Amino acid sequence: MRVSVGVRVSSCLKNAFLALAFVLSAWACCSADADIPVGSSAYDDFELLELKGLLKSGMLSTRPFSRSEGARLLKEAMEGWDKLPEEEKARKRAEKTIKRLSREFGLQARPDGAYLKPAGRPYSKMVYSDGAPYFLSVNNNGDLYTDGFNFRAGFSTEAGFSGLSLVLGPEYRADSDGSRLEFVYGYAMLRFAGIELMAGKEPMWWGPGYHGALLLTNNAKPLDMIRLTSSHPFLLPWIFEWFGPLKPTFFLARLEKERDFPRANLLGMRLDFKPTPRFRFGLNRVFMFGGEGRKSLGVSDWFKVFIASDSAEHSDSSTNGNQIVSLDASYVYVNEWSLLPFSGIKVYTEWGAEDSSGDTKTPTGRANIYGAYVDEPFWLANTDLRVEWANTARNARYGPLWYSHVVYNSGYTHEGRIIGHHMGTDARNLFARAQLRLEDAVIGLEYDVERSGIHGASEAKKRWVGLDLAYIYKRATLKTGLGLTDQINGTSAEGPTGWASITFDF
């Protein structure tokens, strides 16, 4: 993928000034605010507005971001919408999406002083399945539904003062394993001078993928961590401003006790750039190190880790950790030509490499994701279509090595769940989803086929077809759906799965 420096100079400068304004506003006033949870439908709506050309400054591939950032993005989209001529509005059809986001962000600006929301966004969910539902349990914050009846109910408690916010997400769970209280997330957030410092646990997602990402998703339980990022995108000085707005993220997490090296550490780094309003790319890296029974890193060891020296991969030293890197990118094309059979399209990809081998440090594991998100395909009004392909089985020699490591035999997991793409190692996944967006409802149809153990002794294949409905009435959102799973070369087939949930937004 290549971007010409001489093209769209005015767009780059406009984007640069906009990002600079974000930073100045963040320095001028820091207010307490909670993040938009990973998995919220708000992210889908923002991405759709991006396809319609109404969002140019959003960094939607680094999640979560704050509700104040969501309100800023909504304001940008509304201002762009108001400037369009009536015939252009009739063609883009973005009123429904803006209206949905306005319900969530337009009337919920945080006060500058202290605030307390003891029981915000209460919800309940019921799932019934004839067999433990596999596909409903992926990208579900590590929550695994069991055979039979499953019940979940929870809410969000928020409190804040000045630049400090406290957020807690308790959830009651009842299923065939019994009943219990879980804390899905809980963190303290300090915002100052355009910086966010978070301590606690909160789901994260890195990359443009919808159904999965190579390094970081909410497939596993949230990590116990300290995270440092920027409240808004900002510009690097001097000639580096040509990279466009930047959003960096760093975290240091500690994994669970029940693994080969208890309490191993996970260090993550992401740099998300947007050189033009339509093109964005990100650099990602994670490093698993330490743990009980492993030597602590010294000052010189940290330097070896950052440059990925060969001794950091092959020796029995403390630097022999599990390293994974990836590059992701996305490009949005807003159609202005009526002959093309879509209103807008977003194409994206992620390429990953894990560890190294030999004197040339050739990665022993490689993986990739390709995807396309299309607004109004084949001129079908108020519809969108997404197709996504992921592959960790690039070849027979190295396919089974993705997410695994010679020292850390528990692999790239947290409490038994893959931290990255849910399909795991030596696997391929094809996902497609079509949606019809109505005034107060969204109807979705999706298809998912996953193959695992491709280069192993026994390959397994699972297929899923699901139909779902989300209906919004004032401040309540009702979701329901039905899915069928067909297992080929697997152990036993699952029966039909049905679910229903209701969430109140206040």
Foldseek 3Di string as FASTA:
>chain_A
DDDDLVPPPVQLVVLAVVQAVVLVVLQVAAAAFAWDAPVDCLLVLLVLLLLQVQAQFDPSQWDIATLVVSLVRLVSSVVSLVPDDPVSCVQSVSPLSSVVSCLFRVPDDDDQAKDWDAFFWKKKKKKAWQAFDDLVLFLPQADTAGHGIKMKIWGKIWITGGQKIWIWIKMWIAHPVGIDIDTQWTWMWGRHSQKIKIFTWGAIGHADDDQFFQFAGSRYHTFGKIKMKGNGWHADDDPRCLQGTKIKMWMKTFFAQPFPFGRWIKIKIKIKTDNGSFKIKMKIKMKTFDGHPADDDDPVLVVCLVVVDPCLPPPSHRSNIKMKIKMKMKGKDADPDVVAQFRIKMKMKMKMFIFADDPVRHGLWIKMKIKMKTHRGRVNPQKIKMKMKIARQPDLRRQQCRQAGPVRHLGCHHPNAHRGRRLDTNKMKIKMKMWHDDNFKIKMWMKMKMWHCPNHPFIKIKIKIKIKMWGDDSFKIKIKIKMAMDIDSDDDGMGIMIMIMMIGGD
